[in-house]
């Protein structure tokens, strides 16, 4: 489907109008650099540490492109309230983030989660930060696995009783079968003996991020926009090409 001339003219205004850059510093601060960042809550340095998840650093200009597509630009009233449309009627993102649902609790910082619950989403800065959090939530892959309690570094010991199984022991002492196995790998194939002592750390089953989807326009359009705008991927591609013409 061809993009409308009116929409093209709107975003091309950004080539000469510096007001379209108003939120650049905010976006850069939220996304951060992969190598280092002054903000511990920035997304790139936080998620790149988990090598096993296959995270690829996100270019902040992707978020800028989404802002240009979503907002309609600084000539719109929503530019100073809800530039990313979070909280608009029919928008699922706001409800997900307010409830810290769908894995968003693992994406947002506690401070951002609290701000979304208690502050007006009509703040443009919070609106953009919420949109970034929802994007990362939708692009992440989650699973329920054993999660060690990092607040308790103690290595505990439990004595096997008659009739015990790894599942029963884990439930009784507040750990997981995976943790018990990690301290004594052979328990998975060897009989448990009454009176034997097993070591463990406190743990529970919980949701974790196990991977990431491909950060391409089609996936973002499907996962973030959800089909609300059939031209969303094409618009992102157009704006990204437009950025190559920016002289400032």
C-alpha atoms as a PDB file:
ATOM      1  CA  UNK A   1       0.000   0.000   0.000  1.00  0.00           C
ATOM      2  CA  UNK A   2       1.388   3.415  -0.975  1.00  0.00           C
ATOM      3  CA  UNK A   3       1.995   5.937   1.777  1.00  0.00           C
ATOM      4  CA  UNK A   4      -0.248   8.985   1.583  1.00  0.00           C
ATOM      5  CA  UNK A   5       1.286  12.218   0.257  1.00  0.00           C
ATOM      6  CA  UNK A   6      -0.107  14.047   3.291  1.00  0.00           C
ATOM      7  CA  UNK A   7       1.711  11.739   5.713  1.00  0.00           C
ATOM      8  CA  UNK A   8       4.927  11.994   3.686  1.00  0.00           C
ATOM      9  CA  UNK A   9       4.729  15.787   3.734  1.00  0.00           C
ATOM     10  CA  UNK A  10       4.193  15.701   7.500  1.00  0.00           C
ATOM     11  CA  UNK A  11       7.331  13.720   8.309  1.00  0.00           C
ATOM     12  CA  UNK A  12       9.415  15.510   5.685  1.00  0.00           C
ATOM     13  CA  UNK A  13       8.834  18.652   7.735  1.00  0.00           C
ATOM     14  CA  UNK A  14      11.345  17.103  10.129  1.00  0.00           C
ATOM     15  CA  UNK A  15      14.133  17.652   7.607  1.00  0.00           C
ATOM     16  CA  UNK A  16      14.083  21.395   8.235  1.00  0.00           C
ATOM     17  CA  UNK A  17      12.208  21.686  11.538  1.00  0.00           C
ATOM     18  CA  UNK A  18      14.483  21.104  14.530  1.00  0.00           C
ATOM     19  CA  UNK A  19      11.491  20.763  16.859  1.00  0.00           C
ATOM     20  CA  UNK A  20      11.271  17.142  15.706  1.00  0.00           C
ATOM     21  CA  UNK A  21      14.494  16.533  17.686  1.00  0.00           C
ATOM     22  CA  UNK A  22      13.025  17.653  21.028  1.00  0.00           C
ATOM     23  CA  UNK A  23      13.073  14.197  22.600  1.00  0.00           C
ATOM     24  CA  UNK A  24      16.381  12.935  21.206  1.00  0.00           C
ATOM     25  CA  UNK A  25      18.280  13.304  24.482  1.00  0.00           C
ATOM     26  CA  UNK A  26      15.548  11.479  26.399  1.00  0.00           C
ATOM     27  CA  UNK A  27      15.555   8.563  23.948  1.00  0.00           C
ATOM     28  CA  UNK A  28      19.353   8.337  23.958  1.00  0.00           C
ATOM     29  CA  UNK A  29      19.370   8.303  27.752  1.00  0.00           C
ATOM     30  CA  UNK A  30      16.733   5.559  27.936  1.00  0.00           C
ATOM     31  CA  UNK A  31      18.380   3.293  25.359  1.00  0.00           C
ATOM     32  CA  UNK A  32      22.004   3.899  26.408  1.00  0.00           C
ATOM     33  CA  UNK A  33      25.228   2.645  24.934  1.00  0.00           C
ATOM     34  CA  UNK A  34      26.130  -1.035  24.988  1.00  0.00           C
ATOM     35  CA  UNK A  35      29.693  -0.459  26.159  1.00  0.00           C
ATOM     36  CA  UNK A  36      28.857   1.747  29.116  1.00  0.00           C
ATOM     37  CA  UNK A  37      26.224   4.095  30.460  1.00  0.00           C
ATOM     38  CA  UNK A  38      25.854   6.490  33.326  1.00  0.00           C
ATOM     39  CA  UNK A  39      22.325   5.155  33.890  1.00  0.00           C
ATOM     40  CA  UNK A  40      22.129   1.648  35.276  1.00  0.00           C
ATOM     41  CA  UNK A  41      18.531   1.399  34.058  1.00  0.00           C
ATOM     42  CA  UNK A  42      19.338   2.101  30.380  1.00  0.00           C
ATOM     43  CA  UNK A  43      18.247  -0.793  28.182  1.00  0.00           C
ATOM     44  CA  UNK A  44      21.341  -1.593  26.097  1.00  0.00           C
ATOM     45  CA  UNK A  45      23.914  -1.917  28.897  1.00  0.00           C
ATOM     46  CA  UNK A  46      21.429  -3.786  31.078  1.00  0.00           C
ATOM     47  CA  UNK A  47      20.429  -6.458  28.574  1.00  0.00           C
ATOM     48  CA  UNK A  48      23.734  -6.882  26.732  1.00  0.00           C
ATOM     49  CA  UNK A  49      25.177  -8.393  29.930  1.00  0.00           C
ATOM     50  CA  UNK A  50      22.989 -11.469  29.459  1.00  0.00           C
ATOM     51  CA  UNK A  51      25.016 -13.007  26.635  1.00  0.00           C
ATOM     52  CA  UNK A  52      22.923 -16.181  26.606  1.00  0.00           C
ATOM     53  CA  UNK A  53      19.788 -14.273  25.599  1.00  0.00           C
ATOM     54  CA  UNK A  54      21.306 -13.219  22.264  1.00  0.00           C
ATOM     55  CA  UNK A  55      20.474  -9.565  22.797  1.00  0.00           C
ATOM     56  CA  UNK A  56      21.576  -7.221  20.008  1.00  0.00           C
ATOM     57  CA  UNK A  57      22.146  -3.548  20.838  1.00  0.00           C
ATOM     58  CA  UNK A  58      19.246  -1.342  19.775  1.00  0.00           C
ATOM     59  CA  UNK A  59      19.988   1.874  17.888  1.00  0.00           C
ATOM     60  CA  UNK A  60      18.243   4.804  19.572  1.00  0.00           C
ATOM     61  CA  UNK A  61      17.375   6.105  16.107  1.00  0.00           C
ATOM     62  CA  UNK A  62      14.898   3.241  15.797  1.00  0.00           C
ATOM     63  CA  UNK A  63      12.914   4.755  18.667  1.00  0.00           C
ATOM     64  CA  UNK A  64      13.234   8.198  17.069  1.00  0.00           C
ATOM     65  CA  UNK A  65      11.770   6.737  13.861  1.00  0.00           C
ATOM     66  CA  UNK A  66       8.882   5.232  15.832  1.00  0.00           C
ATOM     67  CA  UNK A  67       8.269   8.619  17.457  1.00  0.00           C
ATOM     68  CA  UNK A  68       8.093  10.307  14.057  1.00  0.00           C
ATOM     69  CA  UNK A  69       5.661   7.650  12.813  1.00  0.00           C
ATOM     70  CA  UNK A  70       3.476   7.691  15.936  1.00  0.00           C
ATOM     71  CA  UNK A  71       3.312  11.374  16.842  1.00  0.00           C
ATOM     72  CA  UNK A  72       2.467  13.328  13.726  1.00  0.00           C
ATOM     73  CA  UNK A  73       5.150  15.780  14.735  1.00  0.00           C
ATOM     74  CA  UNK A  74       5.469  18.903  16.886  1.00  0.00           C
ATOM     75  CA  UNK A  75       2.609  20.667  15.116  1.00  0.00           C
ATOM     76  CA  UNK A  76       0.188  18.205  16.752  1.00  0.00           C
ATOM     77  CA  UNK A  77      -1.242  18.862  20.231  1.00  0.00           C
ATOM     78  CA  UNK A  78      -0.354  15.294  21.258  1.00  0.00           C
ATOM     79  CA  UNK A  79       3.354  16.102  20.794  1.00  0.00           C
ATOM     80  CA  UNK A  80       3.315  17.660  24.263  1.00  0.00           C
ATOM     81  CA  UNK A  81       1.063  15.068  25.914  1.00  0.00           C
ATOM     82  CA  UNK A  82       1.040  11.601  24.319  1.00  0.00           C
ATOM     83  CA  UNK A  83       3.482  11.650  21.403  1.00  0.00           C
ATOM     84  CA  UNK A  84       3.680   7.837  21.337  1.00  0.00           C
ATOM     85  CA  UNK A  85      -0.095   7.382  21.780  1.00  0.00           C
ATOM     86  CA  UNK A  86       0.309   5.317  24.978  1.00  0.00           C
ATOM     87  CA  UNK A  87      -2.935   5.610  26.950  1.00  0.00           C
ATOM     88  CA  UNK A  88      -5.115   6.421  23.955  1.00  0.00           C
ATOM     89  CA  UNK A  89      -8.474   4.589  23.684  1.00  0.00           C
ATOM     90  CA  UNK A  90      -7.938   1.051  22.430  1.00  0.00           C
ATOM     91  CA  UNK A  91      -4.244   1.052  23.327  1.00  0.00           C
ATOM     92  CA  UNK A  92      -3.360  -2.194  25.170  1.00  0.00           C
ATOM     93  CA  UNK A  93       0.118  -1.056  26.228  1.00  0.00           C
ATOM     94  CA  UNK A  94      -0.906   1.230  29.074  1.00  0.00           C
ATOM     95  CA  UNK A  95      -2.917  -1.468  30.858  1.00  0.00           C
ATOM     96  CA  UNK A  96      -0.124  -4.012  30.455  1.00  0.00           C
ATOM     97  CA  UNK A  97       2.485  -1.657  31.910  1.00  0.00           C
ATOM     98  CA  UNK A  98       0.285  -0.438  34.781  1.00  0.00           C
ATOM     99  CA  UNK A  99      -0.214  -4.051  35.887  1.00  0.00           C
ATOM    100  CA  UNK A 100       3.443  -4.978  35.189  1.00  0.00           C
ATOM    101  CA  UNK A 101       1.969  -7.822  33.131  1.00  0.00           C
ATOM    102  CA  UNK A 102       3.223  -9.918  30.186  1.00  0.00           C
ATOM    103  CA  UNK A 103       6.797  -9.840  31.453  1.00  0.00           C
ATOM    104  CA  UNK A 104       7.022  -6.044  31.526  1.00  0.00           C
ATOM    105  CA  UNK A 105       8.180  -6.183  35.161  1.00  0.00           C
ATOM    106  CA  UNK A 106      11.433  -7.707  33.887  1.00  0.00           C
ATOM    107  CA  UNK A 107      11.859  -4.915  31.341  1.00  0.00           C
ATOM    108  CA  UNK A 108      10.953  -1.797  33.303  1.00  0.00           C
ATOM    109  CA  UNK A 109      13.028  -0.394  36.126  1.00  0.00           C
ATOM    110  CA  UNK A 110      11.136  -0.264  39.469  1.00  0.00           C
ATOM    111  CA  UNK A 111      11.158   3.534  39.240  1.00  0.00           C
ATOM    112  CA  UNK A 112       9.570   3.521  35.786  1.00  0.00           C
ATOM    113  CA  UNK A 113       6.958   0.963  36.846  1.00  0.00           C
ATOM    114  CA  UNK A 114       6.032   3.162  39.828  1.00  0.00           C
ATOM    115  CA  UNK A 115       5.856   6.273  37.638  1.00  0.00           C
ATOM    116  CA  UNK A 116       3.520   4.568  35.155  1.00  0.00           C
ATOM    117  CA  UNK A 117       1.239   3.468  37.999  1.00  0.00           C
ATOM    118  CA  UNK A 118       1.100   6.806  39.788  1.00  0.00           C
ATOM    119  CA  UNK A 119       1.816   9.621  37.314  1.00  0.00           C
ATOM    120  CA  UNK A 120      -0.099  11.043  34.375  1.00  0.00           C
ATOM    121  CA  UNK A 121       0.609   9.313  31.090  1.00  0.00           C
ATOM    122  CA  UNK A 122       0.002  12.729  29.494  1.00  0.00           C
ATOM    123  CA  UNK A 123       3.548  13.674  30.383  1.00  0.00           C
ATOM    124  CA  UNK A 124       5.361  13.389  27.022  1.00  0.00           C
ATOM    125  CA  UNK A 125       8.564  12.170  28.668  1.00  0.00           C
ATOM    126  CA  UNK A 126       6.742   9.410  30.557  1.00  0.00           C
ATOM    127  CA  UNK A 127       4.704   8.577  27.465  1.00  0.00           C
ATOM    128  CA  UNK A 128       7.878   7.981  25.469  1.00  0.00           C
ATOM    129  CA  UNK A 129       9.525   5.983  28.265  1.00  0.00           C
ATOM    130  CA  UNK A 130       6.388   3.840  28.547  1.00  0.00           C
ATOM    131  CA  UNK A 131       6.402   3.219  24.791  1.00  0.00           C
ATOM    132  CA  UNK A 132      10.029   2.075  24.916  1.00  0.00           C
ATOM    133  CA  UNK A 133       9.232  -0.261  27.814  1.00  0.00           C
ATOM    134  CA  UNK A 134       6.309  -1.763  25.918  1.00  0.00           C
ATOM    135  CA  UNK A 135       8.427  -2.204  22.797  1.00  0.00           C
ATOM    136  CA  UNK A 136      11.066  -4.131  24.744  1.00  0.00           C
ATOM    137  CA  UNK A 137       8.351  -6.187  26.444  1.00  0.00           C
ATOM    138  CA  UNK A 138       6.892  -7.200  23.109  1.00  0.00           C
ATOM    139  CA  UNK A 139      10.282  -7.984  21.578  1.00  0.00           C
ATOM    140  CA  UNK A 140      11.495 -10.142  24.487  1.00  0.00           C
ATOM    141  CA  UNK A 141      10.948 -13.896  24.748  1.00  0.00           C
ATOM    142  CA  UNK A 142       9.997 -15.185  28.196  1.00  0.00           C
ATOM    143  CA  UNK A 143       9.938 -18.552  29.948  1.00  0.00           C
ATOM    144  CA  UNK A 144       9.314 -19.832  33.471  1.00  0.00           C
ATOM    145  CA  UNK A 145      12.458 -21.316  34.964  1.00  0.00           C
ATOM    146  CA  UNK A 146      14.313 -21.718  38.235  1.00  0.00           C
ATOM    147  CA  UNK A 147      15.477 -18.358  39.572  1.00  0.00           C
ATOM    148  CA  UNK A 148      18.029 -18.188  42.393  1.00  0.00           C
ATOM    149  CA  UNK A 149      17.330 -15.680  45.168  1.00  0.00           C
ATOM    150  CA  UNK A 150      20.282 -13.297  44.781  1.00  0.00           C
ATOM    151  CA  UNK A 151      19.444 -11.550  48.063  1.00  0.00           C
ATOM    152  CA  UNK A 152      20.395 -14.711  49.959  1.00  0.00           C
ATOM    153  CA  UNK A 153      23.946 -15.883  49.234  1.00  0.00           C
ATOM    154  CA  UNK A 154      23.866 -18.568  51.933  1.00  0.00           C
ATOM    155  CA  UNK A 155      24.436 -22.174  50.913  1.00  0.00           C
ATOM    156  CA  UNK A 156      21.957 -24.166  53.008  1.00  0.00           C
ATOM    157  CA  UNK A 157      21.877 -27.869  53.836  1.00  0.00           C
ATOM    158  CA  UNK A 158      18.881 -30.203  54.054  1.00  0.00           C
ATOM    159  CA  UNK A 159      18.805 -33.790  55.326  1.00  0.00           C
ATOM    160  CA  UNK A 160      16.902 -36.300  53.198  1.00  0.00           C
ATOM    161  CA  UNK A 161      13.977 -37.875  55.042  1.00  0.00           C
ATOM    162  CA  UNK A 162      12.114 -41.107  54.296  1.00  0.00           C
ATOM    163  CA  UNK A 163       9.832 -40.736  51.295  1.00  0.00           C
ATOM    164  CA  UNK A 164      11.602 -37.607  50.034  1.00  0.00           C
ATOM    165  CA  UNK A 165      11.925 -36.698  46.385  1.00  0.00           C
ATOM    166  CA  UNK A 166      13.687 -33.731  44.851  1.00  0.00           C
ATOM    167  CA  UNK A 167      10.332 -32.085  44.220  1.00  0.00           C
ATOM    168  CA  UNK A 168       9.229 -32.580  47.826  1.00  0.00           C
ATOM    169  CA  UNK A 169      12.535 -31.292  49.205  1.00  0.00           C
ATOM    170  CA  UNK A 170      12.470 -28.242  46.937  1.00  0.00           C
ATOM    171  CA  UNK A 171       8.967 -27.342  48.076  1.00  0.00           C
ATOM    172  CA  UNK A 172       9.824 -27.862  51.743  1.00  0.00           C
ATOM    173  CA  UNK A 173      12.960 -25.722  51.893  1.00  0.00           C
ATOM    174  CA  UNK A 174      12.159 -23.058  49.285  1.00  0.00           C
ATOM    175  CA  UNK A 175      14.394 -23.958  46.391  1.00  0.00           C
ATOM    176  CA  UNK A 176      14.034 -25.714  43.029  1.00  0.00           C
ATOM    177  CA  UNK A 177      14.881 -29.126  41.630  1.00  0.00           C
ATOM    178  CA  UNK A 178      17.313 -27.453  39.215  1.00  0.00           C
ATOM    179  CA  UNK A 179      19.269 -25.883  42.071  1.00  0.00           C
ATOM    180  CA  UNK A 180      19.427 -29.169  43.991  1.00  0.00           C
ATOM    181  CA  UNK A 181      20.739 -30.872  40.874  1.00  0.00           C
ATOM    182  CA  UNK A 182      23.319 -28.146  40.281  1.00  0.00           C
ATOM    183  CA  UNK A 183      24.910 -28.838  43.680  1.00  0.00           C
ATOM    184  CA  UNK A 184      24.890 -32.606  43.223  1.00  0.00           C
ATOM    185  CA  UNK A 185      24.490 -33.475  39.565  1.00  0.00           C
ATOM    186  CA  UNK A 186      24.266 -37.196  40.159  1.00  0.00           C
ATOM    187  CA  UNK A 187      20.975 -36.929  42.093  1.00  0.00           C
ATOM    188  CA  UNK A 188      19.140 -36.939  38.790  1.00  0.00           C
ATOM    189  CA  UNK A 189      20.156 -40.544  38.168  1.00  0.00           C
ATOM    190  CA  UNK A 190      20.998 -41.877  41.629  1.00  0.00           C
ATOM    191  CA  UNK A 191      18.700 -42.935  44.440  1.00  0.00           C
ATOM    192  CA  UNK A 192      18.334 -40.525  47.349  1.00  0.00           C
ATOM    193  CA  UNK A 193      19.461 -41.972  50.683  1.00  0.00           C
ATOM    194  CA  UNK A 194      17.756 -41.227  54.002  1.00  0.00           C
ATOM    195  CA  UNK A 195      20.087 -39.142  56.136  1.00  0.00           C
ATOM    196  CA  UNK A 196      22.086 -37.855  53.196  1.00  0.00           C
ATOM    197  CA  UNK A 197      22.653 -34.109  53.176  1.00  0.00           C
ATOM    198  CA  UNK A 198      22.024 -31.981  50.111  1.00  0.00           C
ATOM    199  CA  UNK A 199      23.266 -28.435  49.615  1.00  0.00           C
ATOM    200  CA  UNK A 200      21.148 -25.738  48.004  1.00  0.00           C
ATOM    201  CA  UNK A 201      20.489 -22.025  47.654  1.00  0.00           C
ATOM    202  CA  UNK A 202      17.087 -20.442  48.003  1.00  0.00           C
ATOM    203  CA  UNK A 203      15.262 -20.309  44.666  1.00  0.00           C
ATOM    204  CA  UNK A 204      11.847 -20.406  43.074  1.00  0.00           C
ATOM    205  CA  UNK A 205      10.259 -20.839  39.699  1.00  0.00           C
ATOM    206  CA  UNK A 206       9.853 -17.485  37.997  1.00  0.00           C
ATOM    207  CA  UNK A 207       9.614 -15.740  34.658  1.00  0.00           C
ATOM    208  CA  UNK A 208      12.872 -14.764  32.968  1.00  0.00           C
ATOM    209  CA  UNK A 209      13.946 -13.325  29.619  1.00  0.00           C
ATOM    210  CA  UNK A 210      15.384 -16.130  27.500  1.00  0.00           C
ATOM    211  CA  UNK A 211      15.779 -14.435  24.124  1.00  0.00           C
ATOM    212  CA  UNK A 212      14.839 -11.631  21.773  1.00  0.00           C
ATOM    213  CA  UNK A 213      12.977 -11.354  18.508  1.00  0.00           C
ATOM    214  CA  UNK A 214      14.566  -9.831  15.443  1.00  0.00           C
ATOM    215  CA  UNK A 215      14.506  -6.037  15.585  1.00  0.00           C
ATOM    216  CA  UNK A 216      13.246  -5.546  12.036  1.00  0.00           C
ATOM    217  CA  UNK A 217      10.403  -3.289  10.931  1.00  0.00           C
ATOM    218  CA  UNK A 218       7.987  -6.124  10.167  1.00  0.00           C
ATOM    219  CA  UNK A 219       8.403  -7.717  13.596  1.00  0.00           C
ATOM    220  CA  UNK A 220       8.082  -4.377  15.375  1.00  0.00           C
ATOM    221  CA  UNK A 221       4.949  -3.576  13.377  1.00  0.00           C
ATOM    222  CA  UNK A 222       3.405  -6.925  14.282  1.00  0.00           C
ATOM    223  CA  UNK A 223       4.482  -7.085  17.928  1.00  0.00           C
ATOM    224  CA  UNK A 224       4.314  -3.420  18.970  1.00  0.00           C
ATOM    225  CA  UNK A 225       1.749  -1.855  16.657  1.00  0.00           C
ATOM    226  CA  UNK A 226      -0.248  -5.061  16.493  1.00  0.00           C
ATOM    227  CA  UNK A 227      -1.622  -4.417  13.034  1.00  0.00           C
ATOM    228  CA  UNK A 228      -3.317  -1.168  14.033  1.00  0.00           C
ATOM    229  CA  UNK A 229      -1.645   0.568  11.112  1.00  0.00           C
ATOM    230  CA  UNK A 230      -1.103  -1.728   8.103  1.00  0.00           C
ATOM    231  CA  UNK A 231       1.546   0.713   6.804  1.00  0.00           C
ATOM    232  CA  UNK A 232       3.532   0.811  10.051  1.00  0.00           C
ATOM    233  CA  UNK A 233       6.543  -1.155   8.786  1.00  0.00           C
ATOM    234  CA  UNK A 234       6.650   0.845   5.543  1.00  0.00           C
ATOM    235  CA  UNK A 235       6.455   4.092   7.496  1.00  0.00           C
ATOM    236  CA  UNK A 236       9.378   3.050   9.700  1.00  0.00           C
ATOM    237  CA  UNK A 237      11.394   2.221   6.606  1.00  0.00           C
ATOM    238  CA  UNK A 238      10.505   5.559   4.996  1.00  0.00           C
ATOM    239  CA  UNK A 239      11.447   7.605   8.069  1.00  0.00           C
ATOM    240  CA  UNK A 240      14.701   5.687   8.487  1.00  0.00           C
ATOM    241  CA  UNK A 241      15.639   6.523   4.891  1.00  0.00           C
ATOM    242  CA  UNK A 242      14.624  10.114   5.575  1.00  0.00           C
ATOM    243  CA  UNK A 243      17.102  10.308   8.445  1.00  0.00           C
ATOM    244  CA  UNK A 244      19.957   9.879   5.975  1.00  0.00           C
ATOM    245  CA  UNK A 245      19.043  13.300   4.591  1.00  0.00           C
ATOM    246  CA  UNK A 246      19.237  15.085   7.924  1.00  0.00           C
ATOM    247  CA  UNK A 247      22.054  17.628   7.864  1.00  0.00           C
ATOM    248  CA  UNK A 248      22.004  18.573  11.545  1.00  0.00           C
END
